[in-house]
Every structure is written in C-alpha cells, then in structure tokens.
Full PDB file with SEQRES, HELIX, SHEET, SSBOND, CRYST1, ORIGX, SCALE, CONECT and MASTER records, all heavy atoms in Angstrom:
SEQRES   1 A   34  LYS ASP SER ARG HIS THR LEU THR ALA ALA ALA THR ALA          
SEQRES   2 A   34  SER LEU LEU VAL MET ASP ALA TRP PHE ASP VAL THR THR          
SEQRES   3 A   34  SER ALA GLY GLY ALA GLU ARG ALA                              
HELIX    1 AA1 HIS A    5  THR A   26  1                                  22    
CRYST1    1.000    1.000    1.000  90.00  90.00  90.00 P 1           1          
ORIGX1      1.000000  0.000000  0.000000        0.00000                         
ORIGX2      0.000000  1.000000  0.000000        0.00000                         
ORIGX3      0.000000  0.000000  1.000000        0.00000                         
SCALE1      1.000000  0.000000  0.000000        0.00000                         
SCALE2      0.000000  1.000000  0.000000        0.00000                         
SCALE3      0.000000  0.000000  1.000000        0.00000                         
ATOM      1  N   LYS A   1    -128.834  53.560 196.741  1.00  0.00           N  
ATOM      2  CA  LYS A   1    -129.482  54.949 196.562  1.00  0.00           C  
ATOM      3  C   LYS A   1    -129.888  55.485 197.922  1.00  0.00           C  
ATOM      4  O   LYS A   1    -130.941  56.168 198.129  1.00  0.00           O  
ATOM      5  CB  LYS A   1    -130.735  54.840 195.648  1.00  0.00           C  
ATOM      6  CG  LYS A   1    -130.449  54.425 194.273  1.00  0.00           C  
ATOM      7  CD  LYS A   1    -131.499  54.415 193.379  1.00  0.00           C  
ATOM      8  CE  LYS A   1    -131.277  54.098 191.879  1.00  0.00           C  
ATOM      9  NZ  LYS A   1    -130.090  53.432 191.433  1.00  0.00           N  
ATOM     10  N   ASP A   2    -129.050  55.257 198.929  1.00  0.00           N  
ATOM     11  CA  ASP A   2    -129.205  55.767 200.202  1.00  0.00           C  
ATOM     12  C   ASP A   2    -128.484  57.058 200.410  1.00  0.00           C  
ATOM     13  O   ASP A   2    -127.306  57.137 200.153  1.00  0.00           O  
ATOM     14  CB  ASP A   2    -128.645  54.693 201.259  1.00  0.00           C  
ATOM     15  CG  ASP A   2    -128.997  55.005 202.713  1.00  0.00           C  
ATOM     16  OD1 ASP A   2    -128.856  56.265 203.074  1.00  0.00           O  
ATOM     17  OD2 ASP A   2    -129.068  54.106 203.548  1.00  0.00           O  
ATOM     18  N   SER A   3    -129.180  58.152 200.862  1.00  0.00           N  
ATOM     19  CA  SER A   3    -128.585  59.446 200.958  1.00  0.00           C  
ATOM     20  C   SER A   3    -127.451  59.552 201.843  1.00  0.00           C  
ATOM     21  O   SER A   3    -126.646  60.511 201.784  1.00  0.00           O  
ATOM     22  CB  SER A   3    -129.695  60.484 201.211  1.00  0.00           C  
ATOM     23  OG  SER A   3    -130.154  60.286 202.546  1.00  0.00           O  
ATOM     24  N   ARG A   4    -127.342  58.676 202.718  1.00  0.00           N  
ATOM     25  CA  ARG A   4    -126.298  58.642 203.723  1.00  0.00           C  
ATOM     26  C   ARG A   4    -124.857  58.495 203.080  1.00  0.00           C  
ATOM     27  O   ARG A   4    -123.827  58.720 203.725  1.00  0.00           O  
ATOM     28  CB  ARG A   4    -126.569  57.688 204.917  1.00  0.00           C  
ATOM     29  CG  ARG A   4    -127.683  58.032 205.738  1.00  0.00           C  
ATOM     30  CD  ARG A   4    -128.024  57.013 206.710  1.00  0.00           C  
ATOM     31  NE  ARG A   4    -128.479  55.805 206.090  1.00  0.00           N  
ATOM     32  CZ  ARG A   4    -128.821  54.643 206.683  1.00  0.00           C  
ATOM     33  NH1 ARG A   4    -128.750  54.576 207.949  1.00  0.00           N  
ATOM     34  NH2 ARG A   4    -129.232  53.651 205.977  1.00  0.00           N  
ATOM     35  N   HIS A   5    -124.807  58.170 201.788  1.00  0.00           N  
ATOM     36  CA  HIS A   5    -123.529  58.052 201.115  1.00  0.00           C  
ATOM     37  C   HIS A   5    -122.769  59.392 201.093  1.00  0.00           C  
ATOM     38  O   HIS A   5    -121.663  59.450 200.989  1.00  0.00           O  
ATOM     39  CB  HIS A   5    -123.830  57.498 199.757  1.00  0.00           C  
ATOM     40  CG  HIS A   5    -124.180  58.471 198.750  1.00  0.00           C  
ATOM     41  ND1 HIS A   5    -125.583  58.853 198.528  1.00  0.00           N  
ATOM     42  CD2 HIS A   5    -123.573  59.450 197.801  1.00  0.00           C  
ATOM     43  CE1 HIS A   5    -125.628  59.743 197.682  1.00  0.00           C  
ATOM     44  NE2 HIS A   5    -124.484  60.234 197.213  1.00  0.00           N  
ATOM     45  N   THR A   6    -123.646  60.500 201.285  1.00  0.00           N  
ATOM     46  CA  THR A   6    -122.981  61.836 201.326  1.00  0.00           C  
ATOM     47  C   THR A   6    -122.058  61.915 202.419  1.00  0.00           C  
ATOM     48  O   THR A   6    -120.987  62.600 202.367  1.00  0.00           O  
ATOM     49  CB  THR A   6    -124.064  62.934 201.259  1.00  0.00           C  
ATOM     50  OG1 THR A   6    -124.837  62.770 202.379  1.00  0.00           O  
ATOM     51  CG2 THR A   6    -124.839  62.854 200.005  1.00  0.00           C  
ATOM     52  N   LEU A   7    -122.471  61.375 203.666  1.00  0.00           N  
ATOM     53  CA  LEU A   7    -121.624  61.430 204.778  1.00  0.00           C  
ATOM     54  C   LEU A   7    -120.333  60.692 204.634  1.00  0.00           C  
ATOM     55  O   LEU A   7    -119.223  61.080 204.951  1.00  0.00           O  
ATOM     56  CB  LEU A   7    -122.451  60.950 206.008  1.00  0.00           C  
ATOM     57  CG  LEU A   7    -123.701  61.629 206.266  1.00  0.00           C  
ATOM     58  CD1 LEU A   7    -124.544  60.933 207.363  1.00  0.00           C  
ATOM     59  CD2 LEU A   7    -123.439  63.065 206.671  1.00  0.00           C  
ATOM     60  N   THR A   8    -120.463  59.400 204.224  1.00  0.00           N  
ATOM     61  CA  THR A   8    -119.259  58.584 204.082  1.00  0.00           C  
ATOM     62  C   THR A   8    -118.464  59.145 202.852  1.00  0.00           C  
ATOM     63  O   THR A   8    -117.173  59.072 203.029  1.00  0.00           O  
ATOM     64  CB  THR A   8    -119.597  57.154 203.875  1.00  0.00           C  
ATOM     65  OG1 THR A   8    -120.434  56.988 202.683  1.00  0.00           O  
ATOM     66  CG2 THR A   8    -120.311  56.566 205.119  1.00  0.00           C  
ATOM     67  N   ALA A   9    -119.065  59.606 201.964  1.00  0.00           N  
ATOM     68  CA  ALA A   9    -118.177  60.182 200.815  1.00  0.00           C  
ATOM     69  C   ALA A   9    -117.387  61.479 201.190  1.00  0.00           C  
ATOM     70  O   ALA A   9    -116.281  61.549 200.908  1.00  0.00           O  
ATOM     71  CB  ALA A   9    -119.114  60.651 199.650  1.00  0.00           C  
ATOM     72  N   ALA A  10    -117.960  62.291 202.065  1.00  0.00           N  
ATOM     73  CA  ALA A  10    -117.246  63.431 202.481  1.00  0.00           C  
ATOM     74  C   ALA A  10    -116.078  63.087 203.494  1.00  0.00           C  
ATOM     75  O   ALA A  10    -115.047  63.664 203.358  1.00  0.00           O  
ATOM     76  CB  ALA A  10    -118.219  64.318 203.287  1.00  0.00           C  
ATOM     77  N   ALA A  11    -116.438  62.053 204.386  1.00  0.00           N  
ATOM     78  CA  ALA A  11    -115.333  61.670 205.256  1.00  0.00           C  
ATOM     79  C   ALA A  11    -114.242  60.974 204.504  1.00  0.00           C  
ATOM     80  O   ALA A  11    -112.964  61.159 204.705  1.00  0.00           O  
ATOM     81  CB  ALA A  11    -115.930  60.753 206.285  1.00  0.00           C  
ATOM     82  N   THR A  12    -114.531  60.130 203.410  1.00  0.00           N  
ATOM     83  CA  THR A  12    -113.544  59.418 202.724  1.00  0.00           C  
ATOM     84  C   THR A  12    -112.677  60.428 201.836  1.00  0.00           C  
ATOM     85  O   THR A  12    -111.510  60.218 201.680  1.00  0.00           O  
ATOM     86  CB  THR A  12    -114.226  58.538 201.829  1.00  0.00           C  
ATOM     87  OG1 THR A  12    -114.973  57.534 202.665  1.00  0.00           O  
ATOM     88  CG2 THR A  12    -113.280  57.600 201.011  1.00  0.00           C  
ATOM     89  N   ALA A  13    -113.338  61.499 201.372  1.00  0.00           N  
ATOM     90  CA  ALA A  13    -112.602  62.456 200.571  1.00  0.00           C  
ATOM     91  C   ALA A  13    -111.482  63.100 201.458  1.00  0.00           C  
ATOM     92  O   ALA A  13    -110.351  63.215 201.050  1.00  0.00           O  
ATOM     93  CB  ALA A  13    -113.612  63.502 200.041  1.00  0.00           C  
ATOM     94  N   SER A  14    -111.938  63.492 202.678  1.00  0.00           N  
ATOM     95  CA  SER A  14    -111.026  64.071 203.594  1.00  0.00           C  
ATOM     96  C   SER A  14    -109.812  63.029 204.050  1.00  0.00           C  
ATOM     97  O   SER A  14    -108.614  63.517 204.006  1.00  0.00           O  
ATOM     98  CB  SER A  14    -111.683  64.481 204.938  1.00  0.00           C  
ATOM     99  OG  SER A  14    -112.664  65.338 204.696  1.00  0.00           O  
ATOM    100  N   LEU A  15    -110.167  61.849 204.130  1.00  0.00           N  
ATOM    101  CA  LEU A  15    -109.100  60.870 204.447  1.00  0.00           C  
ATOM    102  C   LEU A  15    -108.165  60.620 203.264  1.00  0.00           C  
ATOM    103  O   LEU A  15    -107.007  60.538 203.417  1.00  0.00           O  
ATOM    104  CB  LEU A  15    -109.724  59.429 204.843  1.00  0.00           C  
ATOM    105  CG  LEU A  15    -110.407  59.440 206.231  1.00  0.00           C  
ATOM    106  CD1 LEU A  15    -111.158  58.048 206.422  1.00  0.00           C  
ATOM    107  CD2 LEU A  15    -109.288  59.534 207.366  1.00  0.00           C  
ATOM    108  N   LEU A  16    -108.667  60.600 202.117  1.00  0.00           N  
ATOM    109  CA  LEU A  16    -107.869  60.536 200.880  1.00  0.00           C  
ATOM    110  C   LEU A  16    -106.881  61.617 200.701  1.00  0.00           C  
ATOM    111  O   LEU A  16    -105.691  61.373 200.418  1.00  0.00           O  
ATOM    112  CB  LEU A  16    -108.738  60.321 199.646  1.00  0.00           C  
ATOM    113  CG  LEU A  16    -109.399  58.902 199.503  1.00  0.00           C  
ATOM    114  CD1 LEU A  16    -110.587  58.971 198.495  1.00  0.00           C  
ATOM    115  CD2 LEU A  16    -108.360  57.938 199.002  1.00  0.00           C  
ATOM    116  N   VAL A  17    -107.479  62.835 200.942  1.00  0.00           N  
ATOM    117  CA  VAL A  17    -106.454  64.014 200.868  1.00  0.00           C  
ATOM    118  C   VAL A  17    -105.413  63.915 201.863  1.00  0.00           C  
ATOM    119  O   VAL A  17    -104.247  64.261 201.666  1.00  0.00           O  
ATOM    120  CB  VAL A  17    -107.343  65.315 200.927  1.00  0.00           C  
ATOM    121  CG1 VAL A  17    -106.381  66.510 201.089  1.00  0.00           C  
ATOM    122  CG2 VAL A  17    -108.163  65.487 199.824  1.00  0.00           C  
ATOM    123  N   MET A  18    -105.799  63.636 203.182  1.00  0.00           N  
ATOM    124  CA  MET A  18    -104.870  63.369 204.266  1.00  0.00           C  
ATOM    125  C   MET A  18    -103.840  62.335 203.890  1.00  0.00           C  
ATOM    126  O   MET A  18    -102.638  62.477 204.067  1.00  0.00           O  
ATOM    127  CB  MET A  18    -105.588  63.012 205.497  1.00  0.00           C  
ATOM    128  CG  MET A  18    -104.741  63.014 206.800  1.00  0.00           C  
ATOM    129  SD  MET A  18    -105.572  62.655 208.266  1.00  0.00           S  
ATOM    130  CE  MET A  18    -105.928  60.858 207.985  1.00  0.00           C  
ATOM    131  N   ASP A  19    -104.303  61.177 203.357  1.00  0.00           N  
ATOM    132  CA  ASP A  19    -103.408  60.180 203.012  1.00  0.00           C  
ATOM    133  C   ASP A  19    -102.318  60.576 201.889  1.00  0.00           C  
ATOM    134  O   ASP A  19    -101.189  60.333 202.004  1.00  0.00           O  
ATOM    135  CB  ASP A  19    -104.195  58.911 202.465  1.00  0.00           C  
ATOM    136  CG  ASP A  19    -103.404  57.651 202.213  1.00  0.00           C  
ATOM    137  OD1 ASP A  19    -102.446  57.474 203.099  1.00  0.00           O  
ATOM    138  OD2 ASP A  19    -103.500  56.968 201.204  1.00  0.00           O  
ATOM    139  N   ALA A  20    -102.865  61.310 200.881  1.00  0.00           N  
ATOM    140  CA  ALA A  20    -101.956  61.865 199.855  1.00  0.00           C  
ATOM    141  C   ALA A  20    -100.869  62.757 200.486  1.00  0.00           C  
ATOM    142  O   ALA A  20     -99.709  62.627 200.215  1.00  0.00           O  
ATOM    143  CB  ALA A  20    -102.699  62.500 198.756  1.00  0.00           C  
ATOM    144  N   TRP A  21    -101.339  63.620 201.298  1.00  0.00           N  
ATOM    145  CA  TRP A  21    -100.460  64.671 202.057  1.00  0.00           C  
ATOM    146  C   TRP A  21     -99.368  63.894 202.816  1.00  0.00           C  
ATOM    147  O   TRP A  21     -98.130  64.131 202.617  1.00  0.00           O  
ATOM    148  CB  TRP A  21    -101.300  65.512 202.930  1.00  0.00           C  
ATOM    149  CG  TRP A  21    -100.459  66.427 203.786  1.00  0.00           C  
ATOM    150  CD1 TRP A  21     -99.964  66.224 205.034  1.00  0.00           C  
ATOM    151  CD2 TRP A  21     -99.812  67.720 203.380  1.00  0.00           C  
ATOM    152  NE1 TRP A  21     -99.263  67.315 205.475  1.00  0.00           N  
ATOM    153  CE2 TRP A  21     -99.120  68.171 204.433  1.00  0.00           C  
ATOM    154  CE3 TRP A  21     -99.836  68.412 202.174  1.00  0.00           C  
ATOM    155  CZ2 TRP A  21     -98.420  69.331 204.376  1.00  0.00           C  
ATOM    156  CZ3 TRP A  21     -99.203  69.596 202.116  1.00  0.00           C  
ATOM    157  CH2 TRP A  21     -98.492  70.114 203.287  1.00  0.00           C  
ATOM    158  N   PHE A  22     -99.745  62.980 203.634  1.00  0.00           N  
ATOM    159  CA  PHE A  22     -98.735  62.263 204.444  1.00  0.00           C  
ATOM    160  C   PHE A  22     -97.914  61.331 203.647  1.00  0.00           C  
ATOM    161  O   PHE A  22     -96.646  61.175 203.939  1.00  0.00           O  
ATOM    162  CB  PHE A  22     -99.412  61.670 205.647  1.00  0.00           C  
ATOM    163  CG  PHE A  22     -99.827  62.478 206.664  1.00  0.00           C  
ATOM    164  CD1 PHE A  22    -101.052  62.818 206.972  1.00  0.00           C  
ATOM    165  CD2 PHE A  22     -98.850  63.227 207.455  1.00  0.00           C  
ATOM    166  CE1 PHE A  22    -101.448  63.761 208.020  1.00  0.00           C  
ATOM    167  CE2 PHE A  22     -99.174  64.074 208.518  1.00  0.00           C  
ATOM    168  CZ  PHE A  22    -100.450  64.326 208.794  1.00  0.00           C  
ATOM    169  N   ASP A  23     -98.432  60.789 202.593  1.00  0.00           N  
ATOM    170  CA  ASP A  23     -97.541  59.866 201.661  1.00  0.00           C  
ATOM    171  C   ASP A  23     -96.549  60.731 201.101  1.00  0.00           C  
ATOM    172  O   ASP A  23     -95.375  60.274 201.109  1.00  0.00           O  
ATOM    173  CB  ASP A  23     -98.334  59.202 200.529  1.00  0.00           C  
ATOM    174  CG  ASP A  23     -99.250  57.994 201.038  1.00  0.00           C  
ATOM    175  OD1 ASP A  23     -98.919  57.467 202.194  1.00  0.00           O  
ATOM    176  OD2 ASP A  23    -100.074  57.638 200.236  1.00  0.00           O  
ATOM    177  N   VAL A  24     -96.795  61.835 200.570  1.00  0.00           N  
ATOM    178  CA  VAL A  24     -95.846  62.635 199.930  1.00  0.00           C  
ATOM    179  C   VAL A  24     -94.847  63.306 200.770  1.00  0.00           C  
ATOM    180  O   VAL A  24     -93.625  63.298 200.680  1.00  0.00           O  
ATOM    181  CB  VAL A  24     -96.494  63.733 199.036  1.00  0.00           C  
ATOM    182  CG1 VAL A  24     -95.517  64.742 198.478  1.00  0.00           C  
ATOM    183  CG2 VAL A  24     -97.244  63.089 197.882  1.00  0.00           C  
ATOM    184  N   THR A  25     -95.355  63.844 201.922  1.00  0.00           N  
ATOM    185  CA  THR A  25     -94.466  64.644 202.815  1.00  0.00           C  
ATOM    186  C   THR A  25     -93.637  63.627 203.736  1.00  0.00           C  
ATOM    187  O   THR A  25     -92.665  64.111 204.284  1.00  0.00           O  
ATOM    188  CB  THR A  25     -95.273  65.566 203.773  1.00  0.00           C  
ATOM    189  OG1 THR A  25     -96.194  64.775 204.591  1.00  0.00           O  
ATOM    190  CG2 THR A  25     -96.023  66.597 202.929  1.00  0.00           C  
ATOM    191  N   THR A  26     -93.981  62.447 203.934  1.00  0.00           N  
ATOM    192  CA  THR A  26     -93.141  61.644 204.763  1.00  0.00           C  
ATOM    193  C   THR A  26     -92.308  60.580 203.917  1.00  0.00           C  
ATOM    194  O   THR A  26     -91.565  59.778 204.400  1.00  0.00           O  
ATOM    195  CB  THR A  26     -94.122  60.734 205.697  1.00  0.00           C  
ATOM    196  OG1 THR A  26     -94.945  59.869 204.998  1.00  0.00           O  
ATOM    197  CG2 THR A  26     -94.842  61.554 206.677  1.00  0.00           C  
ATOM    198  N   SER A  27     -92.467  60.707 202.618  1.00  0.00           N  
ATOM    199  CA  SER A  27     -91.626  59.770 201.741  1.00  0.00           C  
ATOM    200  C   SER A  27     -90.231  60.334 201.698  1.00  0.00           C  
ATOM    201  O   SER A  27     -89.890  61.519 201.799  1.00  0.00           O  
ATOM    202  CB  SER A  27     -92.221  59.658 200.389  1.00  0.00           C  
ATOM    203  OG  SER A  27     -92.241  60.899 199.721  1.00  0.00           O  
ATOM    204  N   ALA A  28     -89.237  59.229 201.499  1.00  0.00           N  
ATOM    205  CA  ALA A  28     -87.880  59.743 201.248  1.00  0.00           C  
ATOM    206  C   ALA A  28     -87.766  60.291 199.807  1.00  0.00           C  
ATOM    207  O   ALA A  28     -88.636  60.088 199.071  1.00  0.00           O  
ATOM    208  CB  ALA A  28     -87.005  58.477 201.459  1.00  0.00           C  
ATOM    209  N   GLY A  29     -86.728  60.936 199.518  1.00  0.00           N  
ATOM    210  CA  GLY A  29     -86.506  61.488 198.246  1.00  0.00           C  
ATOM    211  C   GLY A  29     -86.346  60.461 197.109  1.00  0.00           C  
ATOM    212  O   GLY A  29     -86.461  59.197 197.391  1.00  0.00           O  
ATOM    213  N   GLY A  30     -86.177  60.879 195.844  1.00  0.00           N  
ATOM    214  CA  GLY A  30     -85.930  59.905 194.794  1.00  0.00           C  
ATOM    215  C   GLY A  30     -87.128  59.144 194.428  1.00  0.00           C  
ATOM    216  O   GLY A  30     -88.279  59.722 194.236  1.00  0.00           O  
ATOM    217  N   ALA A  31     -86.832  57.876 194.100  1.00  0.00           N  
ATOM    218  CA  ALA A  31     -87.960  57.013 193.653  1.00  0.00           C  
ATOM    219  C   ALA A  31     -89.150  56.834 194.519  1.00  0.00           C  
ATOM    220  O   ALA A  31     -90.304  56.874 194.048  1.00  0.00           O  
ATOM    221  CB  ALA A  31     -87.426  55.583 193.324  1.00  0.00           C  
ATOM    222  N   GLU A  32     -88.858  56.918 195.842  1.00  0.00           N  
ATOM    223  CA  GLU A  32     -89.945  56.838 196.858  1.00  0.00           C  
ATOM    224  C   GLU A  32     -90.972  58.050 196.784  1.00  0.00           C  
ATOM    225  O   GLU A  32     -92.114  57.925 196.761  1.00  0.00           O  
ATOM    226  CB  GLU A  32     -89.427  56.570 198.202  1.00  0.00           C  
ATOM    227  CG  GLU A  32     -90.574  56.317 199.242  1.00  0.00           C  
ATOM    228  CD  GLU A  32     -89.949  56.136 200.685  1.00  0.00           C  
ATOM    229  OE1 GLU A  32     -88.905  55.500 200.805  1.00  0.00           O  
ATOM    230  OE2 GLU A  32     -90.630  56.556 201.604  1.00  0.00           O  
ATOM    231  N   ARG A  33     -90.296  59.133 196.652  1.00  0.00           N  
ATOM    232  CA  ARG A  33     -91.112  60.471 196.530  1.00  0.00           C  
ATOM    233  C   ARG A  33     -91.865  60.526 195.242  1.00  0.00           C  
ATOM    234  O   ARG A  33     -93.058  60.809 195.201  1.00  0.00           O  
ATOM    235  CB  ARG A  33     -90.244  61.617 196.668  1.00  0.00           C  
ATOM    236  CG  ARG A  33     -90.793  62.998 196.367  1.00  0.00           C  
ATOM    237  CD  ARG A  33     -91.584  63.590 197.558  1.00  0.00           C  
ATOM    238  NE  ARG A  33     -91.119  63.401 198.827  1.00  0.00           N  
ATOM    239  CZ  ARG A  33     -90.232  64.208 199.417  1.00  0.00           C  
ATOM    240  NH1 ARG A  33     -89.717  65.228 198.833  1.00  0.00           N  
ATOM    241  NH2 ARG A  33     -89.942  63.945 200.693  1.00  0.00           N  
ATOM    242  N   ALA A  34     -91.212  60.067 194.097  1.00  0.00           N  
ATOM    243  CA  ALA A  34     -91.944  60.002 192.803  1.00  0.00           C  
ATOM    244  C   ALA A  34     -93.089  59.051 192.865  1.00  0.00           C  
ATOM    245  O   ALA A  34     -94.207  59.513 192.322  1.00  0.00           O  
ATOM    246  CB  ALA A  34     -90.858  59.580 191.712  1.00  0.00           C  
TER     247      ALA A  34                                                      
MASTER        0    0    0    1    0    0    0    6  246    1    0    3          
END                                                                             
C-alpha cells in the first residue's frame, strides 16, 4: 500500500506499450507477426 507504486506503474505501462510496438513492427511476416 505504498503510493510510490504509481511511479513504477506509469513507467511499466510505457515500457509495455513500447515492447508491444517493437515486437510487432520488428517481427517477420506470417506466423511470427501473428
């Protein structure tokens, strides 16, 4: 119940979006992209 979770949650949300973006945009077509 430490309010500092808001800081790590915000940073982690940004990293997750970035990870999804780069996973999709750098994957080869076909099964890898799917």
